């Protein structure tokens, strides 16, 4: 699940939600919502997250039946 993967990647590298948000040019609240599985990042932001954590081929997100 994206929420779990994102939180593990972020906390494993000792990065705050605020720092990740600043790096991606988004709000800290958006990161919190993703980690609580209340919303999902758009594909363009998901790509930036994967590149930031160097896990381009490891993060998957379920979007209406598509992976």
Protein backbone atom coordinates (compact mmCIF):
# COMPACT_ATOMS: atom_id res chain seq x y z
CA UNK A 1 0.00 0.00 0.00
CA UNK A 2 1.35 3.40 -0.96
CA UNK A 3 0.61 4.98 2.42
CA UNK A 4 2.74 2.41 4.25
CA UNK A 5 5.53 2.44 1.66
CA UNK A 6 5.78 6.21 1.68
CA UNK A 7 5.90 6.47 5.46
CA UNK A 8 8.53 3.72 5.71
CA UNK A 9 10.70 5.35 3.06
CA UNK A 10 10.39 8.78 4.67
CA UNK A 11 10.93 7.75 8.29
CA UNK A 12 13.66 5.28 7.35
CA UNK A 13 15.65 8.19 6.00
CA UNK A 14 14.72 10.48 8.89
CA UNK A 15 12.92 12.93 6.63
CA UNK A 16 10.03 14.94 8.06
CA UNK A 17 6.75 15.32 6.24
CA UNK A 18 7.48 19.04 6.02
CA UNK A 19 10.89 18.50 4.39
CA UNK A 20 9.49 16.03 1.86
CA UNK A 21 6.67 18.46 1.09
CA UNK A 22 9.10 21.35 0.53
CA UNK A 23 11.25 19.20 -1.73
CA UNK A 24 8.25 18.19 -3.83
CA UNK A 25 6.69 21.66 -3.82
CA UNK A 26 3.51 20.52 -2.09
CA UNK A 27 1.91 20.99 1.32
CA UNK A 28 2.79 18.99 4.42
CA UNK A 29 -0.92 18.28 4.76
CA UNK A 30 -0.89 16.49 1.40
CA UNK A 31 1.91 14.18 2.57
CA UNK A 32 0.01 13.49 5.80
CA UNK A 33 -3.14 12.58 3.84
CA UNK A 34 -1.20 10.20 1.63
CA UNK A 35 0.38 8.50 4.63
CA UNK A 36 -3.03 8.14 6.29
CA UNK A 37 -4.46 6.73 3.05
CA UNK A 38 -6.98 9.59 2.85
CA UNK A 39 -5.90 10.56 -0.66
CA UNK A 40 -3.36 9.59 -3.30
CA UNK A 41 -0.82 11.74 -5.11
CA UNK A 42 -1.36 12.41 -8.80
CA UNK A 43 0.82 10.33 -11.14
CA UNK A 44 3.22 13.22 -11.76
CA UNK A 45 3.84 13.63 -8.02
CA UNK A 46 4.12 9.88 -7.55
CA UNK A 47 6.89 9.90 -10.14
CA UNK A 48 8.72 12.68 -8.24
CA UNK A 49 8.40 10.70 -4.99
CA UNK A 50 9.79 7.56 -6.62
CA UNK A 51 12.69 9.49 -8.11
CA UNK A 52 13.41 11.30 -4.83
CA UNK A 53 13.66 8.00 -2.96
CA UNK A 54 15.30 6.24 -5.92
CA UNK A 55 12.61 3.57 -6.02
CA UNK A 56 11.19 4.26 -9.47
CA UNK A 57 10.30 0.62 -10.12
CA UNK A 58 9.22 -0.29 -6.60
CA UNK A 59 6.31 2.00 -5.76
CA UNK A 60 2.97 0.94 -7.16
CA UNK A 61 -0.36 2.62 -6.75
CA UNK A 62 -3.80 1.22 -7.41
CA UNK A 63 -5.90 3.50 -9.58
CA UNK A 64 -9.33 2.15 -10.46
CA UNK A 65 -8.04 -1.28 -11.31
CA UNK A 66 -4.85 -0.16 -13.08
CA UNK A 67 -1.38 -0.58 -11.65
